[in-house]
Protein backbone atom coordinates (compact mmCIF):
# COMPACT_ATOMS: atom_id res chain seq x y z
CA MET A 1 103.78 67.17 140.02
CA ALA A 2 107.43 66.20 140.41
CA ASP A 3 108.73 63.65 137.89
CA ILE A 4 110.81 61.78 140.47
CA LEU A 5 110.81 61.45 144.22
CA GLU A 6 114.18 62.65 145.51
CA LEU A 7 114.61 62.39 149.28
CA HIS A 8 118.34 61.92 149.84
CA GLU A 9 119.20 65.62 150.07
CA ILE A 10 116.47 66.20 152.67
CA VAL A 11 117.64 63.24 154.76
CA ASP A 12 121.30 64.16 154.35
CA LYS A 13 120.76 67.72 155.64
CA TYR A 14 118.76 66.38 158.57
CA ILE A 15 121.38 63.81 159.55
CA HIS A 16 124.13 66.40 159.09
CA LYS A 17 122.48 68.78 161.56
CA LEU A 18 121.60 66.01 164.01
CA VAL A 19 125.15 64.65 164.07
CA ALA A 20 126.57 68.19 164.32
CA LEU A 21 124.53 68.80 167.49
CA HIS A 22 125.53 65.41 168.88
CA GLU A 23 129.23 66.04 168.28
CA VAL A 24 129.33 69.52 169.78
CA PHE A 25 127.39 68.68 172.96
CA PRO A 26 130.36 67.27 174.98
CA TYR A 27 132.45 70.36 174.21
CA GLN A 28 129.63 72.68 175.20
CA MET A 29 129.29 70.84 178.50
CA THR A 30 133.05 70.89 179.09
CA MET A 31 133.20 74.65 178.57
CA ALA A 32 130.13 75.22 180.76
CA ALA A 33 131.63 73.05 183.50
CA ALA A 34 134.88 75.01 183.34
CA VAL A 35 133.01 78.31 183.64
CA ALA A 36 130.97 76.98 186.56
CA HIS A 37 134.08 75.76 188.33
CA LYS A 38 135.90 79.06 187.81
CA SER A 39 132.90 81.10 189.02
CA ALA A 40 132.59 78.98 192.16
CA GLU A 41 136.33 79.29 192.84
CA LYS A 42 136.21 83.06 192.39
CA HIS A 43 133.37 83.34 194.90
CA LYS A 44 135.11 81.11 197.39
CA LYS A 45 138.37 83.05 197.02
CA PHE A 46 136.54 86.30 197.73
CA LEU A 47 135.00 84.82 200.88
CA ASP A 48 138.32 83.37 202.08
CA GLU A 49 139.95 86.78 201.70
CA ASN A 50 137.13 89.00 202.96
CA ALA A 51 135.10 86.95 205.43
CA GLU A 52 135.51 84.94 208.59
CA LYS A 53 135.03 81.19 208.23
CA ILE A 54 132.78 80.11 211.11
CA GLU A 55 131.68 76.57 210.19
CA GLU A 56 132.68 73.82 207.76
CA ASP A 57 131.06 70.38 207.63
CA GLY A 58 132.63 68.89 204.50
CA GLU A 59 129.78 69.82 202.17
CA THR A 60 129.15 73.46 202.99
CA THR A 61 131.14 76.29 204.50
CA SER A 62 129.57 79.17 206.40
CA TYR A 63 131.14 82.62 206.52
CA LYS A 64 130.59 85.74 208.58
CA LEU A 65 130.70 88.77 206.30
CA ASP A 66 131.26 92.41 206.94
CA PHE A 67 128.30 94.47 205.76
CA LYS A 68 130.29 96.29 203.05
CA SER A 69 131.39 92.97 201.50
CA PHE A 70 127.94 91.41 201.42
CA GLY A 71 126.82 92.96 198.10
CA GLN A 72 129.90 91.82 196.19
CA SER A 73 129.64 88.33 197.68
CA SER A 74 125.99 88.10 196.70
CA ARG A 75 126.75 89.10 193.12
CA LEU A 76 129.56 86.53 192.88
CA GLY A 77 127.26 83.91 194.39
CA ARG A 78 124.50 84.63 191.90
CA ARG A 79 126.97 84.45 189.04
CA SER A 80 128.19 81.07 190.31
CA ASP A 81 124.59 79.83 190.60
CA ARG A 82 123.82 80.95 187.04
CA SER A 83 126.85 79.14 185.65
CA LYS A 84 125.80 75.94 187.44
CA THR A 85 122.23 76.33 186.16
CA VAL A 86 123.56 76.21 182.60
CA LEU A 87 124.75 72.65 183.24
CA ASP A 88 121.08 71.67 183.66
CA LEU A 89 119.78 73.87 180.85
CA LEU A 90 122.23 72.82 178.11
CA PRO A 91 121.18 69.14 177.90
CA ARG A 92 117.51 70.14 177.96
CA ASN A 93 118.08 72.67 175.20
CA PHE A 94 119.88 70.06 173.11
CA VAL A 95 116.88 67.73 173.44
CA VAL A 96 114.65 70.55 172.21
CA SER A 97 117.04 71.22 169.32
CA TYR A 98 117.16 67.54 168.34
CA VAL A 99 113.37 67.31 168.14
CA SER A 100 113.13 70.67 166.36
CA GLU A 101 115.45 69.39 163.64
CA TYR A 102 113.31 66.28 163.31
CA ASP A 103 110.15 68.41 162.99
CA SER A 104 111.79 70.52 160.29
CA PHE A 105 112.89 67.37 158.46
CA LEU A 106 109.41 65.86 158.63
CA GLY A 107 107.85 69.01 157.18
CA GLN A 108 110.29 68.97 154.25
CA LEU A 109 109.79 65.23 153.74
CA ILE A 110 106.00 65.45 153.56
CA THR A 111 106.14 68.54 151.33
CA GLN A 112 108.39 66.72 148.86
CA ILE A 113 106.10 63.71 148.83
CA LEU A 114 103.00 65.84 148.29
CA LYS A 115 104.68 67.51 145.31
CA PHE A 116 105.36 64.06 143.89
CA LYS A 117 101.87 62.73 144.61
CA PRO A 118 99.50 65.69 145.09
CA GLU A 119 96.50 63.38 144.88
CA ILE A 120 97.32 62.25 148.43
CA ILE A 121 95.48 65.33 149.68
CA ASP A 122 91.73 64.97 149.44
CA SER A 123 90.77 67.80 147.07
CA LYS A 124 87.19 67.87 148.41
CA ASP A 125 88.45 69.23 151.71
CA LYS A 126 90.95 71.69 150.24
CA SER A 127 90.04 74.95 148.57
CA ILE A 128 91.47 78.35 147.84
CA SER A 129 89.60 81.57 147.15
CA LEU A 130 89.58 83.12 143.69
CA SER A 131 91.19 86.30 145.05
CA ASP A 132 94.02 84.27 146.60
CA LEU A 133 94.49 82.42 143.33
CA VAL A 134 94.68 85.70 141.41
CA ASN A 135 97.18 87.13 143.91
CA LEU A 136 99.32 84.02 143.82
CA GLY A 137 99.46 84.19 140.05
CA SER A 138 99.61 80.49 139.14
CA VAL A 139 98.14 77.10 139.85
CA GLU A 140 101.56 75.91 141.01
CA ALA A 141 101.79 78.68 143.60
CA ALA A 142 98.26 77.89 144.78
CA ARG A 143 99.17 74.22 145.04
CA ASP A 144 102.25 75.06 147.11
CA LYS A 145 100.16 77.17 149.46
CA ILE A 146 97.72 74.30 149.97
CA PHE A 147 100.64 71.95 150.64
CA ALA A 148 102.12 74.41 153.14
CA LYS A 149 98.81 74.66 155.02
CA GLU A 150 98.49 70.88 155.10
CA VAL A 151 102.02 70.39 156.39
CA GLU A 152 101.55 73.12 159.00
CA SER A 153 98.39 71.39 160.20
CA ILE A 154 100.20 68.05 160.44
CA LEU A 155 103.14 69.49 162.36
CA ARG A 156 100.82 71.14 164.88
CA SER A 157 99.49 67.71 165.88
CA SER A 158 101.21 65.33 168.28
CA HIS A 159 104.07 63.20 167.00
CA ALA A 160 101.96 60.08 167.40
CA ASP A 161 99.14 61.67 165.37
CA GLN A 162 101.64 62.64 162.68
CA PHE A 163 102.49 58.97 162.19
CA SER A 164 98.79 58.08 162.16
CA TRP A 165 98.22 60.66 159.41
CA MET A 166 101.13 59.29 157.35
CA GLU A 167 100.00 55.68 157.76
CA LYS A 168 96.54 56.62 156.48
CA ALA A 169 97.68 59.02 153.74
CA PHE A 170 100.40 56.74 152.38
CA SER A 171 98.57 53.46 153.05
CA THR A 172 101.50 51.81 154.78
CA PRO A 173 102.27 50.74 158.37
CA LEU A 174 105.09 52.75 159.88
CA THR A 175 105.27 51.75 163.55
CA LYS A 176 104.82 47.99 163.29
CA GLY A 177 107.99 46.29 164.46
CA LEU A 178 109.60 49.66 165.23
CA ASN A 179 111.16 48.86 168.61
CA SER A 180 112.29 52.43 169.17
CA TRP A 181 108.72 53.77 168.92
CA PRO A 182 108.19 54.02 172.71
CA LEU A 183 111.55 55.79 173.06
CA PHE A 184 110.57 58.22 170.30
CA ILE A 185 107.24 59.01 171.97
CA GLU A 186 108.86 59.54 175.38
CA LEU A 187 111.52 61.78 173.82
CA THR A 188 109.01 64.00 172.04
CA GLU A 189 106.81 64.22 175.15
CA ARG A 190 109.81 65.08 177.33
CA ARG A 191 110.67 67.78 174.83
CA ASN A 192 107.18 69.20 175.38
CA LEU A 193 107.78 69.20 179.13
CA PHE A 194 111.04 71.08 178.67
CA VAL A 195 109.42 73.69 176.41
CA HIS A 196 106.13 74.20 178.24
CA CYS A 197 106.51 72.98 181.83
CA ASP A 198 110.17 73.56 182.79
CA GLY A 199 110.57 69.78 182.67
CA VAL A 200 107.94 69.13 185.34
CA VAL A 201 106.06 65.84 184.80
CA SER A 202 102.38 66.25 183.94
CA GLU A 203 99.42 63.90 183.78
CA GLN A 204 99.41 64.31 180.00
CA TYR A 205 103.01 63.12 179.76
CA LEU A 206 102.23 60.00 181.81
CA ASN A 207 98.99 59.28 179.91
CA VAL A 208 100.65 59.52 176.50
CA CYS A 209 103.54 57.34 177.64
CA LYS A 210 101.15 54.74 179.02
CA LYS A 211 99.11 54.72 175.79
CA HIS A 212 102.23 53.89 173.77
CA ASN A 213 103.69 51.34 176.23
CA VAL A 214 106.54 53.56 177.31
CA SER A 215 108.50 52.33 180.31
CA VAL A 216 109.04 55.61 182.17
CA SER A 217 111.75 56.14 184.77
CA SER A 218 111.00 55.69 188.46
CA ASP A 219 111.28 59.43 189.09
CA ALA A 220 108.66 60.26 186.44
CA LEU A 221 106.01 61.30 188.95
CA VAL A 222 103.63 64.23 188.63
CA GLY A 223 105.39 67.31 189.97
CA ASN A 224 108.91 65.93 189.62
CA ARG A 225 111.30 67.66 187.24
CA LEU A 226 112.98 65.53 184.57
CA GLN A 227 116.48 66.18 183.28
CA ALA A 228 118.50 64.96 180.30
CA GLU A 229 121.67 63.08 181.25
CA LYS A 230 124.51 62.28 178.83
CA LYS A 231 123.18 58.77 178.27
CA TYR A 232 119.73 60.16 177.47
CA LEU A 233 121.21 62.61 174.93
CA ARG A 234 123.03 59.75 173.16
CA GLN A 235 119.82 57.74 173.06
CA ALA A 236 117.86 60.73 171.72
CA HIS A 237 120.38 61.19 168.91
CA GLU A 238 120.24 57.50 167.95
CA VAL A 239 116.44 57.32 168.05
CA LEU A 240 115.94 60.39 165.86
CA TYR A 241 118.66 59.26 163.43
CA GLU A 242 116.97 55.86 163.14
CA ILE A 243 113.40 57.17 162.88
CA GLY A 244 114.25 59.73 160.22
CA LEU A 245 116.22 57.34 158.05
CA LYS A 246 113.79 54.44 158.31
CA LEU A 247 110.78 56.68 157.68
CA SER A 248 112.30 58.14 154.53
CA GLN A 249 113.30 54.71 153.22
CA VAL A 250 109.89 53.11 153.77
CA LEU A 251 108.00 56.00 152.14
CA TRP A 252 110.49 56.34 149.28
CA ARG A 253 110.20 52.67 148.35
CA LYS A 254 106.42 52.58 148.85
CA LEU A 255 105.53 55.68 146.85
CA SER A 256 108.16 55.47 144.12
CA PRO A 257 109.28 51.86 143.61
CA ASP A 258 110.99 52.84 140.34
CA ASP A 259 113.44 54.94 142.37
CA ILE A 260 114.58 52.03 144.54
CA ALA A 261 118.15 52.33 143.22
CA LYS A 262 118.36 55.90 144.57
CA ALA A 263 116.90 54.80 147.87
CA GLU A 264 119.53 52.04 148.07
CA THR A 265 122.34 54.47 147.34
CA SER A 266 121.10 56.77 150.09
CA LEU A 267 120.76 54.01 152.68
CA SER A 268 124.17 52.57 151.77
CA HIS A 269 125.74 55.99 152.19
CA PHE A 270 124.51 56.46 155.76
CA THR A 271 125.23 52.92 156.94
CA TYR A 272 128.74 53.09 155.47
CA GLU A 273 129.43 56.39 157.23
CA LEU A 274 128.29 54.87 160.53
CA LEU A 275 130.77 52.02 160.04
CA ILE A 276 133.55 54.49 159.21
CA GLU A 277 132.72 56.43 162.40
CA GLU A 278 132.62 53.11 164.33
CA ASN A 279 129.07 53.77 165.53
CA TYR A 280 128.35 50.05 165.47
CA LYS A 281 125.23 50.18 167.63
CA LEU A 282 123.35 52.41 165.22
CA ALA A 283 124.90 50.66 162.22
CA LYS A 284 123.61 47.28 163.45
CA ASN A 285 120.14 48.72 163.91
CA LEU A 286 119.95 50.14 160.39
CA LEU A 287 121.63 47.16 158.72
CA ASP A 288 119.20 44.81 160.49
CA PHE A 289 116.51 46.98 158.90
CA ALA A 290 118.19 46.80 155.49
CA CYS A 291 118.59 43.01 155.59
CA CYS A 292 115.60 41.80 157.59
CA THR A 293 112.81 44.40 157.30
CA LEU A 294 113.12 45.54 153.70
CA LYS A 295 111.74 42.98 151.26
CA LYS A 296 113.00 44.37 147.98
CA TRP A 297 116.45 45.49 146.87
CA ASP A 298 117.82 47.05 143.72
CA SER A 299 119.93 43.96 143.06
CA GLU A 300 121.27 40.84 144.73
CA GLY A 301 124.67 42.48 144.83
CA THR A 302 123.28 45.39 146.84
CA ARG A 303 121.67 43.01 149.30
CA LEU A 304 124.91 41.09 149.77
CA VAL A 305 126.79 44.31 150.51
CA TYR A 306 124.26 44.97 153.28
CA VAL A 307 124.84 41.44 154.58
CA VAL A 308 128.62 41.88 154.66
CA ASN A 309 128.36 45.26 156.36
CA ARG A 310 125.87 43.89 158.86
CA ALA A 311 128.24 41.05 159.72
CA LEU A 312 131.20 43.40 160.22
CA ALA A 313 129.06 45.74 162.39
CA TYR A 314 128.37 42.85 164.74
CA LYS A 315 131.98 41.63 164.62
CA PHE A 316 133.53 44.96 165.53
CA SER A 317 130.95 45.60 168.23
CA GLY A 318 132.22 42.46 169.98
CA ASP A 319 129.65 39.88 168.82
CA ASN A 320 131.72 37.60 166.60
CA ASP A 321 129.27 34.70 166.97
CA LYS A 322 126.49 36.79 165.43
CA CYS A 323 128.87 37.82 162.65
CA ILE A 324 129.61 34.19 161.78
CA SER A 325 125.92 33.32 162.01
CA ILE A 326 125.07 36.04 159.48
CA LEU A 327 127.79 34.82 157.10
CA ASP A 328 126.69 31.19 157.49
CA GLY A 329 123.17 32.19 156.47
CA GLU A 330 124.29 32.89 152.91
CA ASP A 331 125.64 30.70 150.10
CA TRP A 332 128.76 32.50 148.95
CA SER A 333 129.95 29.82 146.54
CA ALA A 334 128.39 31.48 143.50
CA CYS A 335 129.50 34.98 144.48
CA GLY A 336 132.42 36.90 143.06
CA ASP A 337 135.88 37.16 144.58
CA ASN A 338 135.09 40.57 146.07
CA TYR A 339 132.36 39.09 148.29
CA ASN A 340 134.40 36.01 149.17
CA LEU A 341 137.33 38.24 150.09
CA CYS A 342 135.15 40.06 152.61
CA VAL A 343 133.83 36.80 153.99
CA ALA A 344 137.36 35.40 154.37
CA VAL A 345 138.52 38.54 156.16
CA LEU A 346 135.56 38.52 158.56
CA ARG A 347 136.19 34.84 159.29
CA GLU A 348 139.85 35.79 159.90
CA GLU A 349 140.99 33.39 157.17
CA PHE A 350 143.80 35.72 156.20
CA ASP A 351 145.81 33.30 154.03
CA LEU A 352 142.73 32.76 151.85
CA ALA A 353 142.10 36.52 151.82
CA LYS A 354 145.65 37.09 150.53
CA LYS A 355 145.11 34.63 147.65
CA LEU A 356 141.86 36.38 146.73
CA MET A 357 143.54 39.80 146.78
CA LEU A 358 146.21 38.57 144.39
CA ARG A 359 143.58 37.07 142.10
CA ILE A 360 141.45 40.24 142.08
CA GLY A 361 144.51 42.29 141.11
CA ALA A 362 144.96 46.02 140.67
CA SER A 363 142.08 46.60 138.26
CA GLY A 364 139.56 44.23 139.75
CA SER A 365 136.32 44.73 141.67
CA VAL A 366 138.10 45.93 144.84
CA SER A 367 140.03 49.17 144.42
CA GLU A 368 143.09 50.50 146.21
CA VAL A 369 140.86 52.99 148.08
CA ASP A 370 138.54 50.15 149.15
CA TYR A 371 141.45 48.30 150.73
CA ILE A 372 142.60 51.40 152.59
CA GLU A 373 139.22 52.71 153.71
CA TRP A 374 136.55 49.97 153.86
CA PRO A 375 135.92 49.06 157.52
CA CYS A 376 135.69 45.39 156.55
CA PHE A 377 139.50 45.32 156.24
CA LYS A 378 140.10 47.07 159.57
CA ASP A 379 141.91 44.18 161.29
CA PHE A 380 143.20 42.62 158.07
CA ARG A 381 145.21 45.76 157.21
CA SER A 382 147.54 45.14 160.16
CA THR A 383 148.48 41.60 159.02
CA ASP A 384 151.54 40.52 157.05
CA GLN A 385 149.25 38.84 154.51
CA PHE A 386 147.57 42.15 153.69
CA VAL A 387 150.81 44.13 153.44
CA ASP A 388 152.41 41.48 151.21
CA ALA A 389 149.40 41.17 148.89
CA PHE A 390 148.81 44.93 148.67
CA THR A 391 152.48 45.59 147.89
CA GLU A 392 152.51 42.94 145.17
CA VAL A 393 149.22 44.06 143.60
CA PHE A 394 149.78 47.83 143.63
CA GLU A 395 153.60 47.78 143.59
CA LYS A 396 153.83 49.98 146.66
CA ALA A 397 153.31 49.72 150.40
CA PRO A 398 149.83 50.48 151.79
CA THR A 399 150.49 54.07 152.89
CA THR A 400 148.44 57.21 152.48
CA ILE A 401 149.45 60.83 151.91
CA GLU A 402 147.21 63.61 153.17
CA GLN A 403 147.84 67.29 152.51
CA VAL A 404 146.70 69.88 155.06
CA ASP A 405 146.89 73.63 155.20
CA ASN A 406 149.67 74.52 157.67
CA ASP A 407 148.05 77.78 158.79
CA GLU A 408 144.74 76.03 159.39
CA LEU A 409 146.51 73.22 161.27
CA GLU A 410 148.29 75.74 163.52
CA SER A 411 144.99 77.49 164.27
CA GLN A 412 143.31 74.20 165.08
CA SER A 413 146.22 73.23 167.33
CA GLU A 414 145.82 76.43 169.34
CA ASN A 415 142.08 75.80 169.69
CA ASN A 416 142.71 72.21 170.75
CA GLU A 417 145.18 73.35 173.40
CA GLU A 418 142.59 75.76 174.78
CA VAL A 419 139.93 73.05 174.90
CA SER A 420 142.43 70.64 176.47
CA GLU A 421 143.21 73.17 179.21
CA ASN A 422 139.51 73.53 179.93
CA GLU A 423 139.07 69.77 180.00
CA GLU A 424 141.95 69.37 182.45
CA GLU A 425 140.54 72.14 184.60
CA SER A 426 137.13 70.47 184.78
CA GLU A 427 138.49 66.93 185.04
CA GLU A 428 137.92 66.73 188.77
CA ILE A 429 134.47 68.31 188.62
CA ASP A 430 131.62 65.86 189.06
CA ASP A 431 128.57 65.93 186.79
CA SER A 432 126.52 68.05 189.12
CA LEU A 433 129.29 70.47 190.10
CA GLU A 434 127.54 71.06 193.38
CA LEU A 435 129.74 73.51 195.20
CA GLU A 436 127.59 75.02 197.91
CA VAL A 437 128.81 78.10 199.66
CA ALA A 438 126.53 79.48 202.34
CA ASP A 439 126.73 83.19 203.03
CA GLU A 440 126.04 84.23 206.60
CA ALA A 441 126.27 87.86 207.46
């Protein structure tokens, strides 16, 4: 049995991989589009030089080919078709990869929890032969094998059944009030279509979606093939980010309430990074969860930080009224200068914010790095009040110095130029890149 329940590393690795996939997808599509465009141009150039154009209607062009040129044209045409096919396959494969990373995360999460609370598994239904025990060499190894079998069994079930198992095993509701649940179910079922049915809608897909109140698209009819557009990929990333983080937080706090401080640190880390990256939509979702769904916090100070960050997420996403409403819902009069500074900045009371900065000073509760980096001060940093106060407090202007490796920078510049050239080349290509060239011998 593990002495403490430590989940941050598991969640951090999962989020790292999920975000990595999300960030690389546009570049993969840009490169694939450039290849498709170049392949189509090469085929068309061959036809223009070696065939007689006999008909052109704006969408397609028909050519009359000499027999000896037909084979080469066919090969170029097939290559062009393959490169265009990739534009459909890549988004589908990214959906599969997203869900695969979630499945891997869930397996690690449950394994860690079972090590912390092995009594969760009903021992009456679990057994291991004496010969296996002897071969394994220890009770701990036998326990790990039982855990592995249990996790494997869970992961083989549907994603909805996995949540049902967790709700029963951990005695806590997990889908109540989870607005993204229908999106999660549809995503995992669409993944199954991509893996097993080439994306073709099945009765099972529709039945599962109906059972979980999923609002399916109008083209989700039996026999139709579903795709994964850019908007759908963004939604998939956000849903799996949200589900993974919320699931870990709920179970962490439920099963190990003494570790709430670690859970808070983990949640604060991810919400702060979202604010730094200006992903305000996802930040609002998770900070709503932190402020309105969670009922216990490590301290009042931690809760107030969530409140401030929630307010700034709404403000910088364009909803200033909601920001003010959140701030008005708290009594800040008994709070320290650091909190009141944030409130003043978010209310755009910059003269007051300057006075508070001067009072906090250089060794107070807000550090030089906080002023430079914290998203709360995003707009404030460009004001005269901020520059004057910062210069007086730290006896220098608010500038930053960053050292970079020149060789690495030069290499990155060359790579960026190559990507930029590909982007320019594919700029005029539409999403479908439908360049149809009809061969007519």
